[in-house]
Amino acid sequence: MIAQGLNRDRVPSPRGGEWGPSAINGGRSRASGILYNEAYIGKLVYNRTRFFKDPETGRRISRSLPESEWVITSLDSLRIISDDLWKAVQARKSLYRNMPLNKRTRPRHPFSGLIKCGECGSSFTIKGGNRLNCVAHRERGTCSNNRTITVSEIERRVLDGLRQRLLAPEIVATIVKEYAAERARLHERDRRRRSGIAHHIQSITWRLERLVDDIANGTASRTTRERIIALEAERESLEREHADREEAARKVIELHPSAIAREGCYIACGVARGRARSRNRPRYAARPGGADRRQLTAGAGPGRACRPRPHCGCG
């Protein structure tokens, strides 16, 4: 309310812009803001903070100093309010300081900081409970947009928009096509890897057979035994890897090209049915002699239900 009054009376802020709540409330630890400024009771405090330069970023960083290092000077010529009024303000502020943190801060939601006012561009923040409104209108009084909206409504609109866009038939068709292409690429890569491992295993087997022949012929060297042990260990490791890759390949679901096109059409039809259902609240109607779960009726005339697509068999 104080910031709104100052902006309404066109009182410039210290930097020449608009007043905000932080300029009024400030922070107690550094005595920033009007309500913590002790100059209004004729007291100046020096050496409360000190600035340091971060050697990595080169930026200046402020650090609060202990109260023992403060330099306090009294200047009655600066006093503009009484001690009683000052104490009353600090007592009022202490009520919020002792409040639990979850009561002092607003809970975050999935779109915190992303919702902007359509008139002034300021953020839409929680006003109270579950409602959002323009922070410039509420705290500074510089925006005429007094509309509010609930967080749940914002979430519903955004998620519905994403759902409609991401599940559009053309998007679904592209996703299915890209999935099939990626699966084909990965399948070919794994096939080549398994083939390479199999050839390596066969090569090691031949080498082992030659070493065994050398032993049988009496031409083996002193290191033959160590070479046989190393090759057998390598072959066992490759055989385990090959078996694991074969098992993983059997668990992958491959789609036939005709099934890819049919699945994309099924999904597109399902999305269309979902949209029709949300707009018109349709219900499944039973035909004489049995129920047809694909016949959607909404009582809104022809063209509302999802039309069958003969090329994929979904109708």
C-alpha atoms as a PDB file:
ATOM      1  CA  MET A   1       0.000   0.000   0.000  1.00  0.00           C
ATOM      2  CA  ILE A   2       2.850   2.404   0.735  1.00  0.00           C
ATOM      3  CA  ALA A   3       4.458   1.754  -2.657  1.00  0.00           C
ATOM      4  CA  GLN A   4       1.099   2.183  -4.385  1.00  0.00           C
ATOM      5  CA  GLY A   5       0.543   5.530  -2.671  1.00  0.00           C
ATOM      6  CA  LEU A   6       3.988   6.822  -3.630  1.00  0.00           C
ATOM      7  CA  ASN A   7       3.523   5.758  -7.250  1.00  0.00           C
ATOM      8  CA  ARG A   8       0.023   7.250  -7.333  1.00  0.00           C
ATOM      9  CA  ASP A   9       1.373  10.578  -6.068  1.00  0.00           C
ATOM     10  CA  ARG A  10       4.183  10.356  -8.644  1.00  0.00           C
ATOM     11  CA  VAL A  11       6.907  10.486  -6.010  1.00  0.00           C
ATOM     12  CA  PRO A  12      10.123   9.305  -7.697  1.00  0.00           C
ATOM     13  CA  SER A  13      12.066   6.429  -6.156  1.00  0.00           C
ATOM     14  CA  PRO A  14      15.746   6.888  -5.206  1.00  0.00           C
ATOM     15  CA  ARG A  15      16.713   5.635  -8.666  1.00  0.00           C
ATOM     16  CA  GLY A  16      14.010   7.601 -10.449  1.00  0.00           C
ATOM     17  CA  GLY A  17      11.768   4.643 -11.270  1.00  0.00           C
ATOM     18  CA  GLU A  18       8.708   3.149  -9.619  1.00  0.00           C
ATOM     19  CA  TRP A  19       8.474   2.157  -5.978  1.00  0.00           C
ATOM     20  CA  GLY A  20       8.328  -1.516  -5.157  1.00  0.00           C
ATOM     21  CA  PRO A  21       7.672  -3.474  -1.946  1.00  0.00           C
ATOM     22  CA  SER A  22      11.358  -4.319  -1.500  1.00  0.00           C
ATOM     23  CA  ALA A  23      12.231  -0.621  -1.272  1.00  0.00           C
ATOM     24  CA  ILE A  24       9.759  -0.300   1.599  1.00  0.00           C
ATOM     25  CA  ASN A  25      10.276  -3.559   3.484  1.00  0.00           C
ATOM     26  CA  GLY A  26      13.970  -4.129   2.742  1.00  0.00           C
ATOM     27  CA  GLY A  27      15.901  -6.587   4.907  1.00  0.00           C
ATOM     28  CA  ARG A  28      16.552  -6.556   8.639  1.00  0.00           C
ATOM     29  CA  SER A  29      20.059  -8.082   8.539  1.00  0.00           C
ATOM     30  CA  ARG A  30      21.410  -5.196   6.445  1.00  0.00           C
ATOM     31  CA  ALA A  31      18.906  -2.543   7.526  1.00  0.00           C
ATOM     32  CA  SER A  32      17.863  -1.914   3.922  1.00  0.00           C
ATOM     33  CA  GLY A  33      14.510  -0.435   2.977  1.00  0.00           C
ATOM     34  CA  ILE A  34      12.589   2.483   4.474  1.00  0.00           C
ATOM     35  CA  LEU A  35      11.140   0.550   7.418  1.00  0.00           C
ATOM     36  CA  TYR A  36      14.610  -0.493   8.649  1.00  0.00           C
ATOM     37  CA  ASN A  37      16.458   2.755   7.905  1.00  0.00           C
ATOM     38  CA  GLU A  38      17.665   4.085  11.278  1.00  0.00           C
ATOM     39  CA  ALA A  39      18.545   7.432   9.747  1.00  0.00           C
ATOM     40  CA  TYR A  40      14.892   8.417  10.278  1.00  0.00           C
ATOM     41  CA  ILE A  41      15.498   8.364  14.052  1.00  0.00           C
ATOM     42  CA  GLY A  42      18.795  10.256  13.788  1.00  0.00           C
ATOM     43  CA  LYS A  43      21.195   7.310  13.791  1.00  0.00           C
ATOM     44  CA  LEU A  44      23.781   6.486  11.136  1.00  0.00           C
ATOM     45  CA  VAL A  45      25.516   3.118  11.061  1.00  0.00           C
ATOM     46  CA  TYR A  46      28.755   2.710   9.146  1.00  0.00           C
ATOM     47  CA  ASN A  47      30.747  -0.413   8.331  1.00  0.00           C
ATOM     48  CA  ARG A  48      27.704  -2.657   8.432  1.00  0.00           C
ATOM     49  CA  THR A  49      28.735  -4.419   5.212  1.00  0.00           C
ATOM     50  CA  ARG A  50      31.896  -4.775   3.203  1.00  0.00           C
ATOM     51  CA  PHE A  51      32.397  -5.558  -0.473  1.00  0.00           C
ATOM     52  CA  PHE A  52      34.817  -8.147  -1.786  1.00  0.00           C
ATOM     53  CA  LYS A  53      35.827  -9.026  -5.320  1.00  0.00           C
ATOM     54  CA  ASP A  54      35.315 -12.615  -6.392  1.00  0.00           C
ATOM     55  CA  PRO A  55      38.644 -13.702  -7.945  1.00  0.00           C
ATOM     56  CA  GLU A  56      36.911 -16.150 -10.294  1.00  0.00           C
ATOM     57  CA  THR A  57      34.044 -14.017 -11.648  1.00  0.00           C
ATOM     58  CA  GLY A  58      35.426 -10.528 -10.930  1.00  0.00           C
ATOM     59  CA  ARG A  59      32.078  -9.469  -9.461  1.00  0.00           C
ATOM     60  CA  ARG A  60      31.670  -7.519  -6.246  1.00  0.00           C
ATOM     61  CA  ILE A  61      30.105  -9.482  -3.382  1.00  0.00           C
ATOM     62  CA  SER A  62      28.838  -7.885  -0.181  1.00  0.00           C
ATOM     63  CA  ARG A  63      29.327  -9.473   3.229  1.00  0.00           C
ATOM     64  CA  SER A  64      27.619  -8.509   6.475  1.00  0.00           C
ATOM     65  CA  LEU A  65      30.038  -7.644   9.276  1.00  0.00           C
ATOM     66  CA  PRO A  66      29.527  -8.480  12.965  1.00  0.00           C
ATOM     67  CA  GLU A  67      27.893  -5.809  15.109  1.00  0.00           C
ATOM     68  CA  SER A  68      31.138  -5.340  17.064  1.00  0.00           C
ATOM     69  CA  GLU A  69      32.682  -3.736  13.959  1.00  0.00           C
ATOM     70  CA  TRP A  70      29.865  -1.272  13.344  1.00  0.00           C
ATOM     71  CA  VAL A  71      30.434   2.455  13.735  1.00  0.00           C
ATOM     72  CA  ILE A  72      27.289   4.164  15.068  1.00  0.00           C
ATOM     73  CA  THR A  73      26.848   7.954  15.022  1.00  0.00           C
ATOM     74  CA  SER A  74      23.880   9.933  16.361  1.00  0.00           C
ATOM     75  CA  LEU A  75      22.645  12.928  14.334  1.00  0.00           C
ATOM     76  CA  ASP A  76      19.444  14.422  15.755  1.00  0.00           C
ATOM     77  CA  SER A  77      19.201  16.754  12.768  1.00  0.00           C
ATOM     78  CA  LEU A  78      18.227  13.734  10.617  1.00  0.00           C
ATOM     79  CA  ARG A  79      15.387  12.538  12.873  1.00  0.00           C
ATOM     80  CA  ILE A  80      11.934  12.756  11.312  1.00  0.00           C
ATOM     81  CA  ILE A  81       9.982  10.241  13.461  1.00  0.00           C
ATOM     82  CA  SER A  82       9.772   9.516  17.185  1.00  0.00           C
ATOM     83  CA  ASP A  83      11.260   6.561  18.979  1.00  0.00           C
ATOM     84  CA  ASP A  84       7.789   5.302  19.891  1.00  0.00           C
ATOM     85  CA  LEU A  85       6.727   5.165  16.247  1.00  0.00           C
ATOM     86  CA  TRP A  86       9.972   3.442  15.290  1.00  0.00           C
ATOM     87  CA  LYS A  87       9.509   0.799  17.979  1.00  0.00           C
ATOM     88  CA  ALA A  88       5.918   0.210  16.918  1.00  0.00           C
ATOM     89  CA  VAL A  89       7.000  -0.375  13.326  1.00  0.00           C
ATOM     90  CA  GLN A  90       9.760  -2.791  14.373  1.00  0.00           C
ATOM     91  CA  ALA A  91       7.338  -4.669  16.635  1.00  0.00           C
ATOM     92  CA  ARG A  92       4.943  -5.045  13.727  1.00  0.00           C
ATOM     93  CA  LYS A  93       7.730  -6.301  11.474  1.00  0.00           C
ATOM     94  CA  SER A  94       8.856  -8.807  14.120  1.00  0.00           C
ATOM     95  CA  LEU A  95       5.445 -10.496  13.906  1.00  0.00           C
ATOM     96  CA  TYR A  96       6.281 -11.625  10.364  1.00  0.00           C
ATOM     97  CA  ARG A  97       9.861 -12.423  11.289  1.00  0.00           C
ATOM     98  CA  ASN A  98       8.672 -15.009  13.850  1.00  0.00           C
ATOM     99  CA  MET A  99       6.202 -16.521  11.421  1.00  0.00           C
ATOM    100  CA  PRO A 100       7.104 -19.974  10.003  1.00  0.00           C
ATOM    101  CA  LEU A 101       8.883 -19.838   6.664  1.00  0.00           C
ATOM    102  CA  ASN A 102       6.092 -21.617   4.792  1.00  0.00           C
ATOM    103  CA  LYS A 103       3.682 -18.880   5.939  1.00  0.00           C
ATOM    104  CA  ARG A 104       5.932 -16.019   4.857  1.00  0.00           C
ATOM    105  CA  THR A 105       6.727 -17.323   1.383  1.00  0.00           C
ATOM    106  CA  ARG A 106       4.336 -18.266  -1.379  1.00  0.00           C
ATOM    107  CA  PRO A 107       4.413 -21.877  -2.558  1.00  0.00           C
ATOM    108  CA  ARG A 108       5.856 -22.433  -6.025  1.00  0.00           C
ATOM    109  CA  HIS A 109       3.865 -23.977  -8.832  1.00  0.00           C
ATOM    110  CA  PRO A 110       4.927 -25.457 -12.207  1.00  0.00           C
ATOM    111  CA  PHE A 111       4.666 -22.082 -13.963  1.00  0.00           C
ATOM    112  CA  SER A 112       6.198 -19.827 -11.308  1.00  0.00           C
ATOM    113  CA  GLY A 113       7.914 -16.859 -12.949  1.00  0.00           C
ATOM    114  CA  LEU A 114       6.602 -17.733 -16.421  1.00  0.00           C
ATOM    115  CA  ILE A 115       3.196 -16.021 -16.387  1.00  0.00           C
ATOM    116  CA  LYS A 116       3.263 -12.376 -17.459  1.00  0.00           C
ATOM    117  CA  CYS A 117       0.673  -9.602 -17.501  1.00  0.00           C
ATOM    118  CA  GLY A 118      -0.733  -8.892 -20.943  1.00  0.00           C
ATOM    119  CA  GLU A 119      -0.855  -5.136 -20.311  1.00  0.00           C
ATOM    120  CA  CYS A 120       2.404  -4.212 -18.581  1.00  0.00           C
ATOM    121  CA  GLY A 121       4.533  -7.359 -18.864  1.00  0.00           C
ATOM    122  CA  SER A 122       4.984  -7.765 -15.097  1.00  0.00           C
ATOM    123  CA  SER A 123       4.812 -11.176 -13.480  1.00  0.00           C
ATOM    124  CA  PHE A 124       1.580 -12.796 -12.361  1.00  0.00           C
ATOM    125  CA  THR A 125       2.153 -13.972  -8.780  1.00  0.00           C
ATOM    126  CA  ILE A 126      -0.002 -15.537  -6.096  1.00  0.00           C
ATOM    127  CA  LYS A 127      -2.256 -12.967  -4.496  1.00  0.00           C
ATOM    128  CA  GLY A 128      -3.789 -15.141  -1.820  1.00  0.00           C
ATOM    129  CA  GLY A 129      -4.895 -18.702  -1.581  1.00  0.00           C
ATOM    130  CA  ASN A 130      -4.736 -20.111  -5.087  1.00  0.00           C
ATOM    131  CA  ARG A 131      -5.247 -17.002  -7.218  1.00  0.00           C
ATOM    132  CA  LEU A 132      -2.767 -15.088  -9.383  1.00  0.00           C
ATOM    133  CA  ASN A 133      -2.795 -11.471 -10.449  1.00  0.00           C
ATOM    134  CA  CYS A 134      -0.465  -8.774 -11.773  1.00  0.00           C
ATOM    135  CA  VAL A 135       2.220  -7.855  -9.243  1.00  0.00           C
ATOM    136  CA  ALA A 136       2.464  -4.309 -10.643  1.00  0.00           C
ATOM    137  CA  HIS A 137      -1.251  -3.774 -10.041  1.00  0.00           C
ATOM    138  CA  ARG A 138      -1.216  -5.312  -6.584  1.00  0.00           C
ATOM    139  CA  GLU A 139       2.018  -3.957  -5.127  1.00  0.00           C
ATOM    140  CA  ARG A 140       2.865  -0.832  -7.121  1.00  0.00           C
ATOM    141  CA  GLY A 141      -0.506   0.312  -8.432  1.00  0.00           C
ATOM    142  CA  THR A 142       0.970   1.128 -11.850  1.00  0.00           C
ATOM    143  CA  CYS A 143      -1.084  -1.342 -13.917  1.00  0.00           C
ATOM    144  CA  SER A 144      -4.827  -1.287 -14.515  1.00  0.00           C
ATOM    145  CA  ASN A 145      -5.132  -5.042 -15.033  1.00  0.00           C
ATOM    146  CA  ASN A 146      -7.084  -6.229 -11.990  1.00  0.00           C
ATOM    147  CA  ARG A 147      -8.010  -9.636 -13.370  1.00  0.00           C
ATOM    148  CA  THR A 148      -7.189 -12.767 -11.398  1.00  0.00           C
ATOM    149  CA  ILE A 149      -6.981 -16.436 -12.304  1.00  0.00           C
ATOM    150  CA  THR A 150      -6.483 -19.601 -10.290  1.00  0.00           C
ATOM    151  CA  VAL A 151      -3.333 -21.677 -10.528  1.00  0.00           C
ATOM    152  CA  SER A 152      -5.397 -24.749 -11.369  1.00  0.00           C
ATOM    153  CA  GLU A 153      -7.016 -22.943 -14.313  1.00  0.00           C
ATOM    154  CA  ILE A 154      -3.631 -21.840 -15.648  1.00  0.00           C
ATOM    155  CA  GLU A 155      -2.312 -25.384 -15.371  1.00  0.00           C
ATOM    156  CA  ARG A 156      -5.405 -26.786 -17.087  1.00  0.00           C
ATOM    157  CA  ARG A 157      -5.169 -24.364 -20.006  1.00  0.00           C
ATOM    158  CA  VAL A 158      -1.461 -24.895 -20.562  1.00  0.00           C
ATOM    159  CA  LEU A 159      -1.603 -28.681 -20.274  1.00  0.00           C
ATOM    160  CA  ASP A 160      -4.658 -28.896 -22.523  1.00  0.00           C
ATOM    161  CA  GLY A 161      -2.879 -26.764 -25.106  1.00  0.00           C
ATOM    162  CA  LEU A 162       0.216 -28.952 -24.962  1.00  0.00           C
ATOM    163  CA  ARG A 163      -1.902 -32.081 -25.183  1.00  0.00           C
ATOM    164  CA  GLN A 164      -3.765 -30.838 -28.259  1.00  0.00           C
ATOM    165  CA  ARG A 165      -0.583 -29.749 -30.009  1.00  0.00           C
ATOM    166  CA  LEU A 166       1.560 -32.765 -29.175  1.00  0.00           C
ATOM    167  CA  LEU A 167      -1.208 -35.251 -29.986  1.00  0.00           C
ATOM    168  CA  ALA A 168      -2.185 -33.655 -33.280  1.00  0.00           C
ATOM    169  CA  PRO A 169      -2.453 -36.341 -36.008  1.00  0.00           C
ATOM    170  CA  GLU A 170       0.439 -34.963 -38.045  1.00  0.00           C
ATOM    171  CA  ILE A 171       2.667 -34.781 -34.941  1.00  0.00           C
ATOM    172  CA  VAL A 172       1.752 -38.327 -33.928  1.00  0.00           C
ATOM    173  CA  ALA A 173       2.481 -39.592 -37.435  1.00  0.00           C
ATOM    174  CA  THR A 174       5.903 -37.921 -37.357  1.00  0.00           C
ATOM    175  CA  ILE A 175       6.691 -39.382 -33.929  1.00  0.00           C
ATOM    176  CA  VAL A 176       5.740 -42.896 -35.022  1.00  0.00           C
ATOM    177  CA  LYS A 177       7.791 -42.545 -38.200  1.00  0.00           C
ATOM    178  CA  GLU A 178      10.828 -41.232 -36.334  1.00  0.00           C
ATOM    179  CA  TYR A 179      10.515 -43.999 -33.758  1.00  0.00           C
ATOM    180  CA  ALA A 180      10.528 -46.616 -36.485  1.00  0.00           C
ATOM    181  CA  ALA A 181      13.551 -45.018 -38.179  1.00  0.00           C
ATOM    182  CA  GLU A 182      15.477 -44.814 -34.892  1.00  0.00           C
ATOM    183  CA  ARG A 183      14.620 -48.398 -34.006  1.00  0.00           C
ATOM    184  CA  ALA A 184      15.855 -49.501 -37.432  1.00  0.00           C
ATOM    185  CA  ARG A 185      19.121 -47.605 -36.943  1.00  0.00           C
ATOM    186  CA  LEU A 186      19.679 -49.071 -33.477  1.00  0.00           C
ATOM    187  CA  HIS A 187      18.764 -52.541 -34.692  1.00  0.00           C
ATOM    188  CA  GLU A 188      21.336 -52.348 -37.490  1.00  0.00           C
ATOM    189  CA  ARG A 189      23.989 -51.025 -35.107  1.00  0.00           C
ATOM    190  CA  ASP A 190      23.355 -53.837 -32.623  1.00  0.00           C
ATOM    191  CA  ARG A 191      23.320 -56.417 -35.399  1.00  0.00           C
ATOM    192  CA  ARG A 192      26.721 -55.276 -36.604  1.00  0.00           C
ATOM    193  CA  ARG A 193      28.060 -55.294 -33.073  1.00  0.00           C
ATOM    194  CA  ARG A 194      26.806 -58.846 -32.451  1.00  0.00           C
ATOM    195  CA  SER A 195      28.234 -59.965 -35.763  1.00  0.00           C
ATOM    196  CA  GLY A 196      31.613 -58.447 -34.878  1.00  0.00           C
ATOM    197  CA  ILE A 197      31.629 -60.169 -31.500  1.00  0.00           C
ATOM    198  CA  ALA A 198      30.760 -63.516 -33.111  1.00  0.00           C
ATOM    199  CA  HIS A 199      33.631 -63.157 -35.603  1.00  0.00           C
ATOM    200  CA  HIS A 200      36.008 -62.257 -32.775  1.00  0.00           C
ATOM    201  CA  ILE A 201      34.932 -65.324 -30.794  1.00  0.00           C
ATOM    202  CA  GLN A 202      35.544 -67.522 -33.859  1.00  0.00           C
ATOM    203  CA  SER A 203      38.982 -65.971 -34.340  1.00  0.00           C
ATOM    204  CA  ILE A 204      39.939 -66.674 -30.721  1.00  0.00           C
ATOM    205  CA  THR A 205      38.720 -70.278 -31.099  1.00  0.00           C
ATOM    206  CA  TRP A 206      40.976 -70.792 -34.110  1.00  0.00           C
ATOM    207  CA  ARG A 207      43.944 -69.334 -32.245  1.00  0.00           C
ATOM    208  CA  LEU A 208      43.301 -71.640 -29.294  1.00  0.00           C
ATOM    209  CA  GLU A 209      43.128 -74.626 -31.626  1.00  0.00           C
ATOM    210  CA  ARG A 210      46.511 -73.717 -33.119  1.00  0.00           C
ATOM    211  CA  LEU A 211      48.063 -73.374 -29.664  1.00  0.00           C
ATOM    212  CA  VAL A 212      46.702 -76.776 -28.660  1.00  0.00           C
ATOM    213  CA  ASP A 213      48.178 -78.224 -31.873  1.00  0.00           C
ATOM    214  CA  ASP A 214      51.544 -76.689 -30.972  1.00  0.00           C
ATOM    215  CA  ILE A 215      51.412 -78.435 -27.599  1.00  0.00           C
ATOM    216  CA  ALA A 216      50.504 -81.746 -29.255  1.00  0.00           C
ATOM    217  CA  ASN A 217      53.349 -81.384 -31.744  1.00  0.00           C
ATOM    218  CA  GLY A 218      55.871 -80.407 -29.056  1.00  0.00           C
ATOM    219  CA  THR A 219      56.507 -76.971 -30.552  1.00  0.00           C
ATOM    220  CA  ALA A 220      54.883 -74.947 -27.783  1.00  0.00           C
ATOM    221  CA  SER A 221      56.845 -72.180 -26.082  1.00  0.00           C
ATOM    222  CA  ARG A 222      57.039 -71.296 -22.384  1.00  0.00           C
ATOM    223  CA  THR A 223      54.294 -68.663 -22.741  1.00  0.00           C
ATOM    224  CA  THR A 224      51.814 -70.942 -24.503  1.00  0.00           C
ATOM    225  CA  ARG A 225      49.969 -71.829 -21.315  1.00  0.00           C
ATOM    226  CA  GLU A 226      49.566 -68.170 -20.282  1.00  0.00           C
ATOM    227  CA  ARG A 227      48.352 -67.272 -23.774  1.00  0.00           C
ATOM    228  CA  ILE A 228      45.755 -70.058 -23.678  1.00  0.00           C
ATOM    229  CA  ILE A 229      44.451 -68.899 -20.289  1.00  0.00           C
ATOM    230  CA  ALA A 230      44.211 -65.261 -21.473  1.00  0.00           C
ATOM    231  CA  LEU A 231      42.440 -66.194 -24.718  1.00  0.00           C
ATOM    232  CA  GLU A 232      39.931 -68.427 -22.927  1.00  0.00           C
ATOM    233  CA  ALA A 233      39.112 -65.634 -20.461  1.00  0.00           C
ATOM    234  CA  GLU A 234      38.632 -63.187 -23.343  1.00  0.00           C
ATOM    235  CA  ARG A 235      36.403 -65.655 -25.192  1.00  0.00           C
ATOM    236  CA  GLU A 236      34.216 -66.203 -22.114  1.00  0.00           C
ATOM    237  CA  SER A 237      33.794 -62.447 -21.675  1.00  0.00           C
ATOM    238  CA  LEU A 238      32.805 -61.994 -25.335  1.00  0.00           C
ATOM    239  CA  GLU A 239      30.375 -64.916 -25.168  1.00  0.00           C
ATOM    240  CA  ARG A 240      28.638 -63.350 -22.149  1.00  0.00           C
ATOM    241  CA  GLU A 241      28.410 -59.992 -23.930  1.00  0.00           C
ATOM    242  CA  HIS A 242      27.033 -61.656 -27.059  1.00  0.00           C
ATOM    243  CA  ALA A 243      24.427 -63.525 -25.047  1.00  0.00           C
ATOM    244  CA  ASP A 244      23.371 -60.349 -23.237  1.00  0.00           C
ATOM    245  CA  ARG A 245      22.976 -58.489 -26.522  1.00  0.00           C
ATOM    246  CA  GLU A 246      20.961 -61.322 -28.017  1.00  0.00           C
ATOM    247  CA  GLU A 247      18.655 -61.308 -24.988  1.00  0.00           C
ATOM    248  CA  ALA A 248      18.221 -57.541 -25.183  1.00  0.00           C
ATOM    249  CA  ALA A 249      17.447 -57.731 -28.907  1.00  0.00           C
ATOM    250  CA  ARG A 250      14.676 -60.282 -28.284  1.00  0.00           C
ATOM    251  CA  LYS A 251      12.969 -57.898 -25.833  1.00  0.00           C
ATOM    252  CA  VAL A 252      12.772 -54.997 -28.318  1.00  0.00           C
ATOM    253  CA  ILE A 253       9.389 -54.546 -29.981  1.00  0.00           C
ATOM    254  CA  GLU A 254       9.788 -54.148 -33.725  1.00  0.00           C
ATOM    255  CA  LEU A 255       6.939 -52.624 -35.753  1.00  0.00           C
ATOM    256  CA  HIS A 256       6.065 -53.838 -39.201  1.00  0.00           C
ATOM    257  CA  PRO A 257       5.863 -50.961 -41.753  1.00  0.00           C
ATOM    258  CA  SER A 258       2.136 -51.546 -42.301  1.00  0.00           C
ATOM    259  CA  ALA A 259       1.603 -51.620 -38.537  1.00  0.00           C
ATOM    260  CA  ILE A 260       3.398 -48.277 -38.197  1.00  0.00           C
ATOM    261  CA  ALA A 261       0.956 -46.551 -40.532  1.00  0.00           C
ATOM    262  CA  ARG A 262      -2.011 -48.276 -38.917  1.00  0.00           C
ATOM    263  CA  GLU A 263      -0.879 -47.383 -35.378  1.00  0.00           C
ATOM    264  CA  GLY A 264      -0.429 -43.727 -36.306  1.00  0.00           C
ATOM    265  CA  CYS A 265      -3.941 -43.629 -37.701  1.00  0.00           C
ATOM    266  CA  TYR A 266      -5.365 -45.327 -34.605  1.00  0.00           C
ATOM    267  CA  ILE A 267      -3.742 -42.720 -32.377  1.00  0.00           C
ATOM    268  CA  ALA A 268      -4.946 -39.865 -34.582  1.00  0.00           C
ATOM    269  CA  CYS A 269      -8.491 -41.231 -34.494  1.00  0.00           C
ATOM    270  CA  GLY A 270      -8.274 -41.616 -30.730  1.00  0.00           C
ATOM    271  CA  VAL A 271      -7.208 -37.991 -30.374  1.00  0.00           C
ATOM    272  CA  ALA A 272     -10.082 -36.867 -32.563  1.00  0.00           C
ATOM    273  CA  ARG A 273     -12.514 -38.892 -30.463  1.00  0.00           C
ATOM    274  CA  GLY A 274     -11.082 -37.392 -27.284  1.00  0.00           C
ATOM    275  CA  ARG A 275     -11.544 -33.866 -28.612  1.00  0.00           C
ATOM    276  CA  ALA A 276     -15.086 -34.588 -29.687  1.00  0.00           C
ATOM    277  CA  ARG A 277     -15.825 -36.125 -26.302  1.00  0.00           C
ATOM    278  CA  SER A 278     -14.491 -33.107 -24.399  1.00  0.00           C
ATOM    279  CA  ARG A 279     -16.495 -30.678 -26.532  1.00  0.00           C
ATOM    280  CA  ASN A 280     -19.785 -32.510 -26.854  1.00  0.00           C
ATOM    281  CA  ARG A 281     -19.790 -35.077 -24.048  1.00  0.00           C
ATOM    282  CA  PRO A 282     -20.598 -37.945 -26.441  1.00  0.00           C
ATOM    283  CA  ARG A 283     -21.552 -41.434 -25.347  1.00  0.00           C
ATOM    284  CA  TYR A 284     -21.226 -44.868 -26.881  1.00  0.00           C
ATOM    285  CA  ALA A 285     -24.454 -45.964 -28.587  1.00  0.00           C
ATOM    286  CA  ALA A 286     -25.538 -49.548 -29.079  1.00  0.00           C
ATOM    287  CA  ARG A 287     -26.726 -50.773 -32.444  1.00  0.00           C
ATOM    288  CA  PRO A 288     -29.532 -53.314 -32.730  1.00  0.00           C
ATOM    289  CA  GLY A 289     -28.130 -56.745 -32.154  1.00  0.00           C
ATOM    290  CA  GLY A 290     -25.001 -55.671 -30.303  1.00  0.00           C
ATOM    291  CA  ALA A 291     -22.892 -52.817 -29.079  1.00  0.00           C
ATOM    292  CA  ASP A 292     -20.589 -50.961 -31.433  1.00  0.00           C
ATOM    293  CA  ARG A 293     -17.925 -49.229 -29.348  1.00  0.00           C
ATOM    294  CA  ARG A 294     -16.709 -47.246 -32.375  1.00  0.00           C
ATOM    295  CA  GLN A 295     -19.976 -45.421 -32.993  1.00  0.00           C
ATOM    296  CA  LEU A 296     -19.839 -42.089 -31.150  1.00  0.00           C
ATOM    297  CA  THR A 297     -22.999 -40.045 -30.846  1.00  0.00           C
ATOM    298  CA  ALA A 298     -23.267 -36.662 -29.221  1.00  0.00           C
ATOM    299  CA  GLY A 299     -26.701 -35.511 -30.283  1.00  0.00           C
ATOM    300  CA  ALA A 300     -25.071 -32.592 -32.069  1.00  0.00           C
ATOM    301  CA  GLY A 301     -25.653 -33.600 -35.656  1.00  0.00           C
ATOM    302  CA  PRO A 302     -23.432 -35.270 -38.266  1.00  0.00           C
ATOM    303  CA  GLY A 303     -19.745 -34.560 -38.504  1.00  0.00           C
ATOM    304  CA  ARG A 304     -19.129 -34.486 -34.766  1.00  0.00           C
ATOM    305  CA  ALA A 305     -17.946 -38.039 -34.364  1.00  0.00           C
ATOM    306  CA  CYS A 306     -14.631 -39.400 -35.571  1.00  0.00           C
ATOM    307  CA  ARG A 307     -15.042 -40.546 -39.146  1.00  0.00           C
ATOM    308  CA  PRO A 308     -13.843 -44.045 -40.075  1.00  0.00           C
ATOM    309  CA  ARG A 309     -10.645 -44.304 -42.102  1.00  0.00           C
ATOM    310  CA  PRO A 310     -10.915 -47.292 -44.459  1.00  0.00           C
ATOM    311  CA  HIS A 311      -7.207 -47.414 -45.321  1.00  0.00           C
ATOM    312  CA  CYS A 312      -6.240 -48.350 -41.774  1.00  0.00           C
ATOM    313  CA  GLY A 313      -9.271 -50.321 -40.638  1.00  0.00           C
ATOM    314  CA  CYS A 314     -10.008 -48.134 -37.636  1.00  0.00           C
ATOM    315  CA  GLY A 315     -13.578 -47.617 -38.751  1.00  0.00           C
END
